[in-house]
Amino acid sequence: MNLTENILPSSIAPATLLLPSPSLFGTRASRLRQLAHGHELAPWLNGLAALCDAQQRALDTLPVLTGLPAGNSARPPLAGPVAALEQALPAVVHQLFAASRGLPLSVARVPGVEELQRSAREGLRLAAGEVAAGPRDAVAVLVAAALQVVWTAAARTIALPSMTPLQDLAPCPCCGSAPVGAVVMAGEGKGGLRYLECSLCATRWNAVRARCTVCEEGSVVQYLGLEGASGAVQAEACDHCGGYIKTFFQDKDIQVDPVADDLGSLALDILVGEQGYARAAPNLFLGDAEPV
């Protein structure tokens, strides 16, 4: 593993929020298939790619969401129970279950109302950063995938107020969930800027300071990466709190996707765990940093 210091620029005023792309899930599916080539978890990654394709179809055909909370308060407007999203969820769940037939994540039956509601609550708690209460099965993954579709659609619809700067360690300003990871941007006007990406709705929010995103410790954190790898995926590990969150560098690979590349780099989780650090970022397709 290698250790590098990463000091991010703070002399410019970046966009506070970046909305998820309308082609988010299709792009993620392509990235998963790219990562699957020669990977020891190729069948699993390809199965998730097919699920992401189904997510994209569900997002494209989802009726316009109405009755969403106004984004004008200090509280993330899509946090907690939101009636409009709860009403939209069952149809998306059924659509993803139908699309899953024949896939590695295929489920024989659609969950009943109570099971769906329970799985949805567990998925939202996981997105908020809570540890899974027990093993997660394919039903839990498919319900979580449906949650991502509905909350991403809402994030693209709701008008969030200007929030500059965001509070340190703030959860997603749109839905209150924890980040799946951080992206260090590349390209004109964005090079070196760091954004956290929501594990649920894929909203990105700017994280200006070069300090631990878990505990806000001001000392320089360690960046740990797999030896011989491109350096596009590194673990931001903090000796103060003992936690880590993955950071994805676009200047090393412009196609990095926080969800897909997290799933494709579980070997890094193992090595960082052996160094004594604990994962501090949820991925709704994982259970305790293991494939579901």
C-alpha atoms as a PDB file:
ATOM      1  CA  MET A   1       0.000   0.000   0.000  1.00  0.00           C
ATOM      2  CA  ASN A   2       1.191   3.538  -0.590  1.00  0.00           C
ATOM      3  CA  LEU A   3       0.702   6.643   1.487  1.00  0.00           C
ATOM      4  CA  THR A   4       0.279  10.087   0.000  1.00  0.00           C
ATOM      5  CA  GLU A   5      -0.763  13.466   1.289  1.00  0.00           C
ATOM      6  CA  ASN A   6      -3.627  15.168  -0.468  1.00  0.00           C
ATOM      7  CA  ILE A   7      -4.125  18.872   0.167  1.00  0.00           C
ATOM      8  CA  LEU A   8      -7.095  20.237  -1.724  1.00  0.00           C
ATOM      9  CA  PRO A   9      -7.336  23.781  -3.042  1.00  0.00           C
ATOM     10  CA  SER A  10      -9.653  26.195  -1.254  1.00  0.00           C
ATOM     11  CA  SER A  11      -8.947  29.483  -3.044  1.00  0.00           C
ATOM     12  CA  ILE A  12     -11.929  29.328  -5.399  1.00  0.00           C
ATOM     13  CA  ALA A  13     -15.649  29.329  -4.767  1.00  0.00           C
ATOM     14  CA  PRO A  14     -17.005  26.054  -6.196  1.00  0.00           C
ATOM     15  CA  ALA A  15     -20.614  25.103  -6.768  1.00  0.00           C
ATOM     16  CA  THR A  16     -21.992  23.949  -3.432  1.00  0.00           C
ATOM     17  CA  LEU A  17     -24.201  21.232  -4.892  1.00  0.00           C
ATOM     18  CA  LEU A  18     -24.137  19.079  -8.021  1.00  0.00           C
ATOM     19  CA  LEU A  19     -27.377  17.323  -8.995  1.00  0.00           C
ATOM     20  CA  PRO A  20     -27.292  13.684 -10.141  1.00  0.00           C
ATOM     21  CA  SER A  21     -27.066  13.117 -13.877  1.00  0.00           C
ATOM     22  CA  PRO A  22     -30.219  11.979 -15.708  1.00  0.00           C
ATOM     23  CA  SER A  23     -28.148   9.055 -17.065  1.00  0.00           C
ATOM     24  CA  LEU A  24     -26.632   8.188 -13.660  1.00  0.00           C
ATOM     25  CA  PHE A  25     -27.589   4.521 -13.525  1.00  0.00           C
ATOM     26  CA  GLY A  26     -26.833   3.761 -17.169  1.00  0.00           C
ATOM     27  CA  THR A  27     -23.373   5.282 -16.794  1.00  0.00           C
ATOM     28  CA  ARG A  28     -22.879   3.276 -13.611  1.00  0.00           C
ATOM     29  CA  ALA A  29     -23.892   0.078 -15.397  1.00  0.00           C
ATOM     30  CA  SER A  30     -21.261   0.717 -18.072  1.00  0.00           C
ATOM     31  CA  ARG A  31     -18.622   1.341 -15.444  1.00  0.00           C
ATOM     32  CA  LEU A  32     -19.492  -1.873 -13.591  1.00  0.00           C
ATOM     33  CA  ARG A  33     -19.106  -3.880 -16.794  1.00  0.00           C
ATOM     34  CA  GLN A  34     -15.772  -2.212 -17.447  1.00  0.00           C
ATOM     35  CA  LEU A  35     -14.569  -3.065 -13.951  1.00  0.00           C
ATOM     36  CA  ALA A  36     -15.828  -6.647 -14.277  1.00  0.00           C
ATOM     37  CA  HIS A  37     -13.325  -7.512 -17.031  1.00  0.00           C
ATOM     38  CA  GLY A  38     -10.850  -9.936 -15.482  1.00  0.00           C
ATOM     39  CA  HIS A  39     -12.213  -9.296 -11.976  1.00  0.00           C
ATOM     40  CA  GLU A  40     -12.623 -12.214  -9.571  1.00  0.00           C
ATOM     41  CA  LEU A  41     -16.127 -10.922  -8.763  1.00  0.00           C
ATOM     42  CA  ALA A  42     -17.092 -10.485 -12.419  1.00  0.00           C
ATOM     43  CA  PRO A  43     -20.439 -12.371 -12.254  1.00  0.00           C
ATOM     44  CA  TRP A  44     -21.552 -10.279  -9.282  1.00  0.00           C
ATOM     45  CA  LEU A  45     -20.424  -6.999 -10.851  1.00  0.00           C
ATOM     46  CA  ASN A  46     -22.127  -7.864 -14.144  1.00  0.00           C
ATOM     47  CA  GLY A  47     -25.297  -8.773 -12.271  1.00  0.00           C
ATOM     48  CA  LEU A  48     -25.275  -5.390 -10.558  1.00  0.00           C
ATOM     49  CA  ALA A  49     -24.674  -3.739 -13.937  1.00  0.00           C
ATOM     50  CA  ALA A  50     -27.869  -5.333 -15.229  1.00  0.00           C
ATOM     51  CA  LEU A  51     -29.673  -4.096 -12.122  1.00  0.00           C
ATOM     52  CA  CYS A  52     -28.357  -0.569 -12.759  1.00  0.00           C
ATOM     53  CA  ASP A  53     -29.697  -0.795 -16.322  1.00  0.00           C
ATOM     54  CA  ALA A  54     -33.079  -1.621 -14.804  1.00  0.00           C
ATOM     55  CA  GLN A  55     -32.707   1.333 -12.440  1.00  0.00           C
ATOM     56  CA  GLN A  56     -32.114   3.607 -15.422  1.00  0.00           C
ATOM     57  CA  ARG A  57     -35.258   2.340 -17.164  1.00  0.00           C
ATOM     58  CA  ALA A  58     -37.223   2.868 -13.968  1.00  0.00           C
ATOM     59  CA  LEU A  59     -35.869   6.402 -13.598  1.00  0.00           C
ATOM     60  CA  ASP A  60     -36.677   7.219 -17.220  1.00  0.00           C
ATOM     61  CA  THR A  61     -40.281   6.024 -16.896  1.00  0.00           C
ATOM     62  CA  LEU A  62     -41.039   7.220 -13.371  1.00  0.00           C
ATOM     63  CA  PRO A  63     -44.000   9.622 -13.347  1.00  0.00           C
ATOM     64  CA  VAL A  64     -43.240  13.167 -12.245  1.00  0.00           C
ATOM     65  CA  LEU A  65     -43.143  13.274  -8.450  1.00  0.00           C
ATOM     66  CA  THR A  66     -45.534  15.751  -6.895  1.00  0.00           C
ATOM     67  CA  GLY A  67     -46.118  16.904  -3.346  1.00  0.00           C
ATOM     68  CA  LEU A  68     -42.421  17.042  -2.472  1.00  0.00           C
ATOM     69  CA  PRO A  69     -41.352  19.190   0.495  1.00  0.00           C
ATOM     70  CA  ALA A  70     -40.037  22.636  -0.307  1.00  0.00           C
ATOM     71  CA  GLY A  71     -36.271  22.926  -0.073  1.00  0.00           C
ATOM     72  CA  ASN A  72     -36.255  26.028   2.052  1.00  0.00           C
ATOM     73  CA  SER A  73     -35.407  24.874   5.548  1.00  0.00           C
ATOM     74  CA  ALA A  74     -32.247  23.987   7.415  1.00  0.00           C
ATOM     75  CA  ARG A  75     -33.315  20.328   7.459  1.00  0.00           C
ATOM     76  CA  PRO A  76     -32.649  18.198   4.351  1.00  0.00           C
ATOM     77  CA  PRO A  77     -36.067  18.255   2.661  1.00  0.00           C
ATOM     78  CA  LEU A  78     -36.062  14.576   1.650  1.00  0.00           C
ATOM     79  CA  ALA A  79     -34.910  13.239   5.031  1.00  0.00           C
ATOM     80  CA  GLY A  80     -37.252  11.083   7.056  1.00  0.00           C
ATOM     81  CA  PRO A  81     -40.687   9.900   5.914  1.00  0.00           C
ATOM     82  CA  VAL A  82     -41.785  11.650   2.712  1.00  0.00           C
ATOM     83  CA  ALA A  83     -45.272  10.574   1.665  1.00  0.00           C
ATOM     84  CA  ALA A  84     -44.766  11.262  -2.055  1.00  0.00           C
ATOM     85  CA  LEU A  85     -41.669   9.052  -2.163  1.00  0.00           C
ATOM     86  CA  GLU A  86     -43.224   6.261  -0.116  1.00  0.00           C
ATOM     87  CA  GLN A  87     -46.163   6.184  -2.525  1.00  0.00           C
ATOM     88  CA  ALA A  88     -43.884   5.983  -5.572  1.00  0.00           C
ATOM     89  CA  LEU A  89     -41.656   3.215  -4.167  1.00  0.00           C
ATOM     90  CA  PRO A  90     -43.831   0.064  -4.603  1.00  0.00           C
ATOM     91  CA  ALA A  91     -44.213   0.510  -8.375  1.00  0.00           C
ATOM     92  CA  VAL A  92     -40.442   0.887  -8.794  1.00  0.00           C
ATOM     93  CA  VAL A  93     -39.841  -2.170  -6.599  1.00  0.00           C
ATOM     94  CA  HIS A  94     -42.168  -4.231  -8.793  1.00  0.00           C
ATOM     95  CA  GLN A  95     -40.453  -2.948 -11.934  1.00  0.00           C
ATOM     96  CA  LEU A  96     -36.987  -3.894 -10.660  1.00  0.00           C
ATOM     97  CA  PHE A  97     -38.171  -7.302  -9.480  1.00  0.00           C
ATOM     98  CA  ALA A  98     -39.624  -8.015 -12.916  1.00  0.00           C
ATOM     99  CA  ALA A  99     -36.365  -6.923 -14.556  1.00  0.00           C
ATOM    100  CA  SER A 100     -34.321  -9.121 -12.204  1.00  0.00           C
ATOM    101  CA  ARG A 101     -35.631 -12.403 -13.603  1.00  0.00           C
ATOM    102  CA  GLY A 102     -32.756 -14.385 -15.009  1.00  0.00           C
ATOM    103  CA  LEU A 103     -30.126 -12.230 -13.304  1.00  0.00           C
ATOM    104  CA  PRO A 104     -27.764 -13.374 -10.523  1.00  0.00           C
ATOM    105  CA  LEU A 105     -29.839 -11.191  -8.184  1.00  0.00           C
ATOM    106  CA  SER A 106     -33.128 -12.731  -9.281  1.00  0.00           C
ATOM    107  CA  VAL A 107     -35.780 -13.009  -6.579  1.00  0.00           C
ATOM    108  CA  ALA A 108     -38.550 -15.566  -6.866  1.00  0.00           C
ATOM    109  CA  ARG A 109     -41.294 -13.395  -5.415  1.00  0.00           C
ATOM    110  CA  VAL A 110     -42.155  -9.782  -4.910  1.00  0.00           C
ATOM    111  CA  PRO A 111     -42.170  -8.932  -1.185  1.00  0.00           C
ATOM    112  CA  GLY A 112     -45.464  -8.242   0.528  1.00  0.00           C
ATOM    113  CA  VAL A 113     -46.354  -4.801   1.799  1.00  0.00           C
ATOM    114  CA  GLU A 114     -44.954  -5.324   5.299  1.00  0.00           C
ATOM    115  CA  GLU A 115     -41.712  -6.894   4.040  1.00  0.00           C
ATOM    116  CA  LEU A 116     -41.267  -4.094   1.509  1.00  0.00           C
ATOM    117  CA  GLN A 117     -41.796  -1.446   4.159  1.00  0.00           C
ATOM    118  CA  ARG A 118     -39.373  -3.180   6.526  1.00  0.00           C
ATOM    119  CA  SER A 119     -36.713  -3.512   3.821  1.00  0.00           C
ATOM    120  CA  ALA A 120     -37.202   0.137   2.847  1.00  0.00           C
ATOM    121  CA  ARG A 121     -36.742   1.288   6.443  1.00  0.00           C
ATOM    122  CA  GLU A 122     -33.604  -0.825   6.757  1.00  0.00           C
ATOM    123  CA  GLY A 123     -32.270   0.555   3.465  1.00  0.00           C
ATOM    124  CA  LEU A 124     -32.815   4.141   4.591  1.00  0.00           C
ATOM    125  CA  ARG A 125     -31.092   3.435   7.905  1.00  0.00           C
ATOM    126  CA  LEU A 126     -28.145   1.898   6.062  1.00  0.00           C
ATOM    127  CA  ALA A 127     -27.942   4.946   3.783  1.00  0.00           C
ATOM    128  CA  ALA A 128     -27.901   7.129   6.886  1.00  0.00           C
ATOM    129  CA  GLY A 129     -24.769   5.330   8.054  1.00  0.00           C
ATOM    130  CA  GLU A 130     -26.173   2.745  10.440  1.00  0.00           C
ATOM    131  CA  VAL A 131     -24.662  -0.739  10.436  1.00  0.00           C
ATOM    132  CA  ALA A 132     -26.832  -3.448   8.904  1.00  0.00           C
ATOM    133  CA  ALA A 133     -28.697  -5.355  11.616  1.00  0.00           C
ATOM    134  CA  GLY A 134     -27.974  -8.681   9.957  1.00  0.00           C
ATOM    135  CA  PRO A 135     -27.186 -10.359   6.644  1.00  0.00           C
ATOM    136  CA  ARG A 136     -28.721  -8.631   3.608  1.00  0.00           C
ATOM    137  CA  ASP A 137     -30.246 -10.732   0.858  1.00  0.00           C
ATOM    138  CA  ALA A 138     -31.208 -10.047  -2.744  1.00  0.00           C
ATOM    139  CA  VAL A 139     -34.585  -8.656  -1.661  1.00  0.00           C
ATOM    140  CA  ALA A 140     -32.854  -6.025   0.463  1.00  0.00           C
ATOM    141  CA  VAL A 141     -30.576  -5.068  -2.437  1.00  0.00           C
ATOM    142  CA  LEU A 142     -33.442  -4.708  -4.894  1.00  0.00           C
ATOM    143  CA  VAL A 143     -35.494  -2.607  -2.490  1.00  0.00           C
ATOM    144  CA  ALA A 144     -32.419  -0.443  -1.852  1.00  0.00           C
ATOM    145  CA  ALA A 145     -31.989  -0.067  -5.621  1.00  0.00           C
ATOM    146  CA  ALA A 146     -35.603   1.117  -5.840  1.00  0.00           C
ATOM    147  CA  LEU A 147     -34.967   3.606  -3.037  1.00  0.00           C
ATOM    148  CA  GLN A 148     -32.065   5.018  -5.031  1.00  0.00           C
ATOM    149  CA  VAL A 149     -34.272   5.468  -8.109  1.00  0.00           C
ATOM    150  CA  VAL A 150     -37.037   7.291  -6.259  1.00  0.00           C
ATOM    151  CA  TRP A 151     -34.778   9.497  -4.137  1.00  0.00           C
ATOM    152  CA  THR A 152     -32.548  10.329  -7.117  1.00  0.00           C
ATOM    153  CA  ALA A 153     -35.604  11.370  -9.128  1.00  0.00           C
ATOM    154  CA  ALA A 154     -36.718  13.569  -6.239  1.00  0.00           C
ATOM    155  CA  ALA A 155     -33.254  15.097  -5.874  1.00  0.00           C
ATOM    156  CA  ARG A 156     -33.361  16.105  -9.529  1.00  0.00           C
ATOM    157  CA  THR A 157     -36.794  17.691  -9.025  1.00  0.00           C
ATOM    158  CA  ILE A 158     -36.568  19.569  -5.757  1.00  0.00           C
ATOM    159  CA  ALA A 159     -35.158  23.096  -5.686  1.00  0.00           C
ATOM    160  CA  LEU A 160     -32.612  23.343  -2.907  1.00  0.00           C
ATOM    161  CA  PRO A 161     -31.774  26.728  -1.409  1.00  0.00           C
ATOM    162  CA  SER A 162     -28.290  28.174  -1.628  1.00  0.00           C
ATOM    163  CA  MET A 163     -26.149  26.710   1.142  1.00  0.00           C
ATOM    164  CA  THR A 164     -22.671  28.230   1.092  1.00  0.00           C
ATOM    165  CA  PRO A 165     -20.744  27.056   2.927  1.00  0.00           C
ATOM    166  CA  LEU A 166     -22.149  23.750   4.152  1.00  0.00           C
ATOM    167  CA  GLN A 167     -21.393  22.761   7.714  1.00  0.00           C
ATOM    168  CA  ASP A 168     -18.483  20.404   8.167  1.00  0.00           C
ATOM    169  CA  LEU A 169     -19.546  16.783   8.523  1.00  0.00           C
ATOM    170  CA  ALA A 170     -23.027  17.665   7.282  1.00  0.00           C
ATOM    171  CA  PRO A 171     -24.931  14.736   5.750  1.00  0.00           C
ATOM    172  CA  CYS A 172     -26.435  15.025   2.284  1.00  0.00           C
ATOM    173  CA  PRO A 173     -28.171  18.421   2.134  1.00  0.00           C
ATOM    174  CA  CYS A 174     -30.931  16.885   0.016  1.00  0.00           C
ATOM    175  CA  CYS A 175     -31.914  13.702   1.894  1.00  0.00           C
ATOM    176  CA  GLY A 176     -29.724  13.568   5.012  1.00  0.00           C
ATOM    177  CA  SER A 177     -27.957  10.333   4.049  1.00  0.00           C
ATOM    178  CA  ALA A 178     -24.264   9.564   4.451  1.00  0.00           C
ATOM    179  CA  PRO A 179     -21.828   9.754   1.530  1.00  0.00           C
ATOM    180  CA  VAL A 180     -20.718   6.613  -0.276  1.00  0.00           C
ATOM    181  CA  GLY A 181     -17.398   8.290  -1.007  1.00  0.00           C
ATOM    182  CA  ALA A 182     -15.663  11.440  -2.184  1.00  0.00           C
ATOM    183  CA  VAL A 183     -14.787  12.476  -5.742  1.00  0.00           C
ATOM    184  CA  VAL A 184     -11.847  14.737  -6.514  1.00  0.00           C
ATOM    185  CA  MET A 185     -12.822  16.389  -9.760  1.00  0.00           C
ATOM    186  CA  ALA A 186     -10.825  16.993 -12.927  1.00  0.00           C
ATOM    187  CA  GLY A 187     -11.473  19.376 -15.775  1.00  0.00           C
ATOM    188  CA  GLU A 188     -11.501  23.100 -16.340  1.00  0.00           C
ATOM    189  CA  GLY A 189     -12.853  25.046 -13.395  1.00  0.00           C
ATOM    190  CA  LYS A 190     -13.201  21.960 -11.188  1.00  0.00           C
ATOM    191  CA  GLY A 191      -9.731  20.447 -11.007  1.00  0.00           C
ATOM    192  CA  GLY A 192      -8.881  19.357  -7.465  1.00  0.00           C
ATOM    193  CA  LEU A 193     -12.290  20.175  -6.003  1.00  0.00           C
ATOM    194  CA  ARG A 194     -13.669  17.507  -3.698  1.00  0.00           C
ATOM    195  CA  TYR A 195     -17.319  16.511  -3.528  1.00  0.00           C
ATOM    196  CA  LEU A 196     -19.010  13.933  -1.356  1.00  0.00           C
ATOM    197  CA  GLU A 197     -21.613  11.813  -3.156  1.00  0.00           C
ATOM    198  CA  CYS A 198     -24.785  10.711  -1.391  1.00  0.00           C
ATOM    199  CA  SER A 199     -25.210   6.947  -1.072  1.00  0.00           C
ATOM    200  CA  LEU A 200     -28.973   7.294  -1.632  1.00  0.00           C
ATOM    201  CA  CYS A 201     -29.867  10.170  -3.970  1.00  0.00           C
ATOM    202  CA  ALA A 202     -26.422  10.727  -5.626  1.00  0.00           C
ATOM    203  CA  THR A 203     -26.430  14.462  -4.913  1.00  0.00           C
ATOM    204  CA  ARG A 204     -22.862  15.751  -4.562  1.00  0.00           C
ATOM    205  CA  TRP A 205     -21.893  18.453  -2.099  1.00  0.00           C
ATOM    206  CA  ASN A 206     -18.622  20.285  -1.819  1.00  0.00           C
ATOM    207  CA  ALA A 207     -16.170  19.306   0.922  1.00  0.00           C
ATOM    208  CA  VAL A 208     -13.609  22.085   0.820  1.00  0.00           C
ATOM    209  CA  ARG A 209     -11.272  21.327   3.680  1.00  0.00           C
ATOM    210  CA  ALA A 210      -8.447  18.802   3.542  1.00  0.00           C
ATOM    211  CA  ARG A 211      -9.405  17.044   6.724  1.00  0.00           C
ATOM    212  CA  CYS A 212     -11.082  13.810   7.734  1.00  0.00           C
ATOM    213  CA  THR A 213     -14.634  13.676   6.408  1.00  0.00           C
ATOM    214  CA  VAL A 214     -15.609  11.365   9.258  1.00  0.00           C
ATOM    215  CA  CYS A 215     -14.469  13.275  12.351  1.00  0.00           C
ATOM    216  CA  GLU A 216     -13.197  16.650  11.002  1.00  0.00           C
ATOM    217  CA  GLU A 217      -9.736  16.154  12.511  1.00  0.00           C
ATOM    218  CA  GLY A 218      -7.548  18.887  11.054  1.00  0.00           C
ATOM    219  CA  SER A 219      -4.323  16.955  10.660  1.00  0.00           C
ATOM    220  CA  VAL A 220      -3.364  15.560   7.274  1.00  0.00           C
ATOM    221  CA  VAL A 221      -4.962  12.169   6.755  1.00  0.00           C
ATOM    222  CA  GLN A 222      -3.335   9.182   5.092  1.00  0.00           C
ATOM    223  CA  TYR A 223      -4.344   8.090   1.626  1.00  0.00           C
ATOM    224  CA  LEU A 224      -3.957   4.343   1.217  1.00  0.00           C
ATOM    225  CA  GLY A 225      -4.082   2.627  -2.153  1.00  0.00           C
ATOM    226  CA  LEU A 226      -3.441  -0.751  -3.700  1.00  0.00           C
ATOM    227  CA  GLU A 227       0.158  -1.061  -4.821  1.00  0.00           C
ATOM    228  CA  GLY A 228       0.461  -1.133  -8.586  1.00  0.00           C
ATOM    229  CA  ALA A 229      -3.021   0.307  -9.128  1.00  0.00           C
ATOM    230  CA  SER A 230      -3.721   3.525 -11.032  1.00  0.00           C
ATOM    231  CA  GLY A 231      -4.351   5.539  -7.860  1.00  0.00           C
ATOM    232  CA  ALA A 232      -7.894   6.400  -8.964  1.00  0.00           C
ATOM    233  CA  VAL A 233      -9.312   4.759  -5.816  1.00  0.00           C
ATOM    234  CA  GLN A 234      -7.742   5.485  -2.446  1.00  0.00           C
ATOM    235  CA  ALA A 235      -8.887   5.178   1.140  1.00  0.00           C
ATOM    236  CA  GLU A 236      -8.829   8.379   3.199  1.00  0.00           C
ATOM    237  CA  ALA A 237      -7.855   6.929   6.581  1.00  0.00           C
ATOM    238  CA  CYS A 238      -7.796   8.909   9.820  1.00  0.00           C
ATOM    239  CA  ASP A 239      -5.584   7.989  12.749  1.00  0.00           C
ATOM    240  CA  HIS A 240      -7.684  10.201  15.037  1.00  0.00           C
ATOM    241  CA  CYS A 241     -11.038   8.413  14.648  1.00  0.00           C
ATOM    242  CA  GLY A 242      -9.857   5.191  13.043  1.00  0.00           C
ATOM    243  CA  GLY A 243     -12.345   5.486  10.187  1.00  0.00           C
ATOM    244  CA  TYR A 244     -11.913   5.631   6.434  1.00  0.00           C
ATOM    245  CA  ILE A 245     -13.878   6.658   3.388  1.00  0.00           C
ATOM    246  CA  LYS A 246     -12.837   6.031  -0.197  1.00  0.00           C
ATOM    247  CA  THR A 247     -11.841   8.908  -2.454  1.00  0.00           C
ATOM    248  CA  PHE A 248     -12.034   8.658  -6.237  1.00  0.00           C
ATOM    249  CA  PHE A 249      -9.662  10.751  -8.355  1.00  0.00           C
ATOM    250  CA  GLN A 250     -10.900  11.784 -11.789  1.00  0.00           C
ATOM    251  CA  ASP A 251      -7.426  12.889 -12.879  1.00  0.00           C
ATOM    252  CA  LYS A 252      -6.363   9.238 -12.618  1.00  0.00           C
ATOM    253  CA  ASP A 253      -9.502   7.887 -14.313  1.00  0.00           C
ATOM    254  CA  ILE A 254     -12.174  10.273 -15.554  1.00  0.00           C
ATOM    255  CA  GLN A 255     -14.795   7.490 -15.549  1.00  0.00           C
ATOM    256  CA  VAL A 256     -14.653   6.717 -11.824  1.00  0.00           C
ATOM    257  CA  ASP A 257     -18.060   6.238 -10.222  1.00  0.00           C
ATOM    258  CA  PRO A 258     -18.178   6.205  -6.400  1.00  0.00           C
ATOM    259  CA  VAL A 259     -20.668   3.326  -6.178  1.00  0.00           C
ATOM    260  CA  ALA A 260     -19.246   1.177  -8.973  1.00  0.00           C
ATOM    261  CA  ASP A 261     -15.582   1.729  -8.164  1.00  0.00           C
ATOM    262  CA  ASP A 262     -16.255   1.091  -4.492  1.00  0.00           C
ATOM    263  CA  LEU A 263     -17.713  -2.294  -5.414  1.00  0.00           C
ATOM    264  CA  GLY A 264     -14.792  -3.016  -7.707  1.00  0.00           C
ATOM    265  CA  SER A 265     -12.177  -2.257  -5.047  1.00  0.00           C
ATOM    266  CA  LEU A 266     -13.179  -4.462  -2.112  1.00  0.00           C
ATOM    267  CA  ALA A 267      -9.594  -5.716  -1.943  1.00  0.00           C
ATOM    268  CA  LEU A 268      -8.711  -2.230  -0.716  1.00  0.00           C
ATOM    269  CA  ASP A 269     -11.266  -2.544   2.091  1.00  0.00           C
ATOM    270  CA  ILE A 270      -9.596  -5.750   3.213  1.00  0.00           C
ATOM    271  CA  LEU A 271      -6.120  -4.226   3.255  1.00  0.00           C
ATOM    272  CA  VAL A 272      -7.237  -1.031   4.998  1.00  0.00           C
ATOM    273  CA  GLY A 273      -9.128  -3.120   7.547  1.00  0.00           C
ATOM    274  CA  GLU A 274      -5.943  -5.073   8.226  1.00  0.00           C
ATOM    275  CA  GLN A 275      -4.304  -1.713   9.017  1.00  0.00           C
ATOM    276  CA  GLY A 276      -6.890  -1.248  11.799  1.00  0.00           C
ATOM    277  CA  TYR A 277      -9.265   1.227  10.129  1.00  0.00           C
ATOM    278  CA  ALA A 278     -13.052   0.849  10.022  1.00  0.00           C
ATOM    279  CA  ARG A 279     -15.213   1.599   6.993  1.00  0.00           C
ATOM    280  CA  ALA A 280     -17.345   4.703   7.566  1.00  0.00           C
ATOM    281  CA  ALA A 281     -19.301   4.954   4.300  1.00  0.00           C
ATOM    282  CA  PRO A 282     -22.354   2.906   3.292  1.00  0.00           C
ATOM    283  CA  ASN A 283     -22.895   1.292  -0.087  1.00  0.00           C
ATOM    284  CA  LEU A 284     -26.446   0.019  -0.533  1.00  0.00           C
ATOM    285  CA  PHE A 285     -25.219  -2.911  -2.606  1.00  0.00           C
ATOM    286  CA  LEU A 286     -22.999  -4.162   0.226  1.00  0.00           C
ATOM    287  CA  GLY A 287     -23.470  -5.780   3.591  1.00  0.00           C
ATOM    288  CA  ASP A 288     -20.599  -5.141   5.995  1.00  0.00           C
ATOM    289  CA  ALA A 289     -18.247  -4.415   3.031  1.00  0.00           C
ATOM    290  CA  GLU A 290     -19.027  -7.838   1.554  1.00  0.00           C
ATOM    291  CA  PRO A 291     -20.836  -8.692  -1.698  1.00  0.00           C
ATOM    292  CA  VAL A 292     -24.530  -9.459  -1.236  1.00  0.00           C
END
